[in-house]
Structures are given as C-alpha cells and as structure tokens.
C-alpha cells in the first residue's frame, strides 16, 4: 500500500504521508485448499449454497489474526 501511494504521488509530483492504523497481518489463502473446501461444502447439501468461480471476497478483516495464531500452534 505504501509503495502504491508513493508512486502515485511521484507520478503527479506530489507528496504523501501515510499513517498505518491497523496491524492486521495479510491473509493469504491457499488456492488448492480453497478448491478442496469448496468441494466439501458442495457435498453438505445446504440449500441455495453455490460457489462463484474465479471470485474473491473479504470474509473478515480479523480472520488473518486467527489464521496466524493457528499457524503458530501447529508449527511448534
């Protein structure tokens, strides 16, 4: 984000000051695991549940924190 802001400011001969107000880590999803989970969910039989191919969505801004804690637990 910082790099993008600075490049835009440089392009227009301006300046930018950035203050990061969140310390939430980036959420990185495993594409293969996502496909696997989508397949499992399709077998559950929930009425009206359907996937949208090649789409992205923000599920929760705090899930990255949960995933990071889980990764720390299973890596040690």
C-alpha atoms as a PDB file:
ATOM      1  CA  UNK A   1       0.000   0.000   0.000  1.00  0.00           C
ATOM      2  CA  UNK A   2       2.806   2.391   0.896  1.00  0.00           C
ATOM      3  CA  UNK A   3       4.596   1.771  -2.388  1.00  0.00           C
ATOM      4  CA  UNK A   4       1.432   2.382  -4.415  1.00  0.00           C
ATOM      5  CA  UNK A   5       0.707   5.640  -2.601  1.00  0.00           C
ATOM      6  CA  UNK A   6       4.256   6.911  -3.036  1.00  0.00           C
ATOM      7  CA  UNK A   7       4.339   6.005  -6.752  1.00  0.00           C
ATOM      8  CA  UNK A   8       1.032   7.801  -7.367  1.00  0.00           C
ATOM      9  CA  UNK A   9       2.311  10.853  -5.515  1.00  0.00           C
ATOM     10  CA  UNK A  10       5.549  10.761  -7.545  1.00  0.00           C
ATOM     11  CA  UNK A  11       3.594  10.471 -10.793  1.00  0.00           C
ATOM     12  CA  UNK A  12       1.634  13.619 -10.030  1.00  0.00           C
ATOM     13  CA  UNK A  13       4.656  15.400  -8.486  1.00  0.00           C
ATOM     14  CA  UNK A  14       3.029  15.418  -5.081  1.00  0.00           C
ATOM     15  CA  UNK A  15       3.820  14.104  -1.646  1.00  0.00           C
ATOM     16  CA  UNK A  16       2.067  11.702   0.634  1.00  0.00           C
ATOM     17  CA  UNK A  17       2.162  10.946   4.332  1.00  0.00           C
ATOM     18  CA  UNK A  18       0.971   7.504   5.371  1.00  0.00           C
ATOM     19  CA  UNK A  19      -0.135   6.510   8.833  1.00  0.00           C
ATOM     20  CA  UNK A  20      -0.889   2.824   9.250  1.00  0.00           C
ATOM     21  CA  UNK A  21      -3.721   2.476  11.753  1.00  0.00           C
ATOM     22  CA  UNK A  22      -4.077  -1.299  11.644  1.00  0.00           C
ATOM     23  CA  UNK A  23      -1.668  -4.070  12.461  1.00  0.00           C
ATOM     24  CA  UNK A  24      -3.719  -6.910  10.996  1.00  0.00           C
ATOM     25  CA  UNK A  25      -1.454  -9.278   9.038  1.00  0.00           C
ATOM     26  CA  UNK A  26      -2.138 -10.107   5.406  1.00  0.00           C
ATOM     27  CA  UNK A  27      -4.468 -13.031   4.818  1.00  0.00           C
ATOM     28  CA  UNK A  28      -3.052 -15.445   2.280  1.00  0.00           C
ATOM     29  CA  UNK A  29      -5.391 -18.161   1.047  1.00  0.00           C
ATOM     30  CA  UNK A  30      -4.131 -21.449  -0.365  1.00  0.00           C
ATOM     31  CA  UNK A  31      -5.849 -21.881  -3.770  1.00  0.00           C
ATOM     32  CA  UNK A  32      -5.747 -25.703  -3.661  1.00  0.00           C
ATOM     33  CA  UNK A  33      -7.150 -25.838  -0.131  1.00  0.00           C
ATOM     34  CA  UNK A  34      -9.870 -23.361  -1.134  1.00  0.00           C
ATOM     35  CA  UNK A  35     -10.938 -25.628  -4.022  1.00  0.00           C
ATOM     36  CA  UNK A  36     -10.880 -28.648  -1.724  1.00  0.00           C
ATOM     37  CA  UNK A  37     -13.041 -26.910   0.888  1.00  0.00           C
ATOM     38  CA  UNK A  38     -15.464 -25.706  -1.798  1.00  0.00           C
ATOM     39  CA  UNK A  39     -15.856 -29.319  -2.945  1.00  0.00           C
ATOM     40  CA  UNK A  40     -16.573 -30.480   0.626  1.00  0.00           C
ATOM     41  CA  UNK A  41     -19.114 -27.708   1.090  1.00  0.00           C
ATOM     42  CA  UNK A  42     -20.873 -28.656  -2.141  1.00  0.00           C
ATOM     43  CA  UNK A  43     -21.403 -32.154  -0.699  1.00  0.00           C
ATOM     44  CA  UNK A  44     -23.020 -30.923   2.544  1.00  0.00           C
ATOM     45  CA  UNK A  45     -26.326 -30.246   0.836  1.00  0.00           C
ATOM     46  CA  UNK A  46     -27.080 -26.753   2.103  1.00  0.00           C
ATOM     47  CA  UNK A  47     -29.981 -25.405   0.089  1.00  0.00           C
ATOM     48  CA  UNK A  48     -29.048 -22.372  -2.008  1.00  0.00           C
ATOM     49  CA  UNK A  49     -25.302 -22.742  -1.362  1.00  0.00           C
ATOM     50  CA  UNK A  50     -23.349 -22.219  -4.544  1.00  0.00           C
ATOM     51  CA  UNK A  51     -19.867 -21.113  -5.390  1.00  0.00           C
ATOM     52  CA  UNK A  52     -18.886 -18.348  -7.712  1.00  0.00           C
ATOM     53  CA  UNK A  53     -15.978 -19.427  -9.944  1.00  0.00           C
ATOM     54  CA  UNK A  54     -12.942 -17.124 -10.149  1.00  0.00           C
ATOM     55  CA  UNK A  55     -14.240 -14.753  -7.486  1.00  0.00           C
ATOM     56  CA  UNK A  56     -12.692 -13.234  -4.396  1.00  0.00           C
ATOM     57  CA  UNK A  57     -14.362 -11.919  -1.280  1.00  0.00           C
ATOM     58  CA  UNK A  58     -13.343 -10.476   2.052  1.00  0.00           C
ATOM     59  CA  UNK A  59     -14.756 -12.771   4.700  1.00  0.00           C
ATOM     60  CA  UNK A  60     -13.484 -10.996   7.781  1.00  0.00           C
ATOM     61  CA  UNK A  61     -10.748  -8.489   8.455  1.00  0.00           C
ATOM     62  CA  UNK A  62      -9.769 -10.296  11.653  1.00  0.00           C
ATOM     63  CA  UNK A  63      -9.535 -13.813  10.221  1.00  0.00           C
ATOM     64  CA  UNK A  64      -5.863 -13.212   9.369  1.00  0.00           C
ATOM     65  CA  UNK A  65      -5.173 -12.898  13.106  1.00  0.00           C
ATOM     66  CA  UNK A  66      -6.965 -16.175  13.803  1.00  0.00           C
ATOM     67  CA  UNK A  67      -5.104 -17.938  10.973  1.00  0.00           C
ATOM     68  CA  UNK A  68      -1.768 -16.615  12.228  1.00  0.00           C
ATOM     69  CA  UNK A  69      -2.436 -17.908  15.764  1.00  0.00           C
ATOM     70  CA  UNK A  70      -3.445 -21.313  14.379  1.00  0.00           C
ATOM     71  CA  UNK A  71      -0.277 -21.459  12.227  1.00  0.00           C
ATOM     72  CA  UNK A  72       1.821 -20.734  15.310  1.00  0.00           C
ATOM     73  CA  UNK A  73       0.120 -23.580  17.193  1.00  0.00           C
ATOM     74  CA  UNK A  74       0.619 -26.211  14.522  1.00  0.00           C
ATOM     75  CA  UNK A  75       4.184 -25.188  13.647  1.00  0.00           C
ATOM     76  CA  UNK A  76       5.528 -25.760  17.167  1.00  0.00           C
END
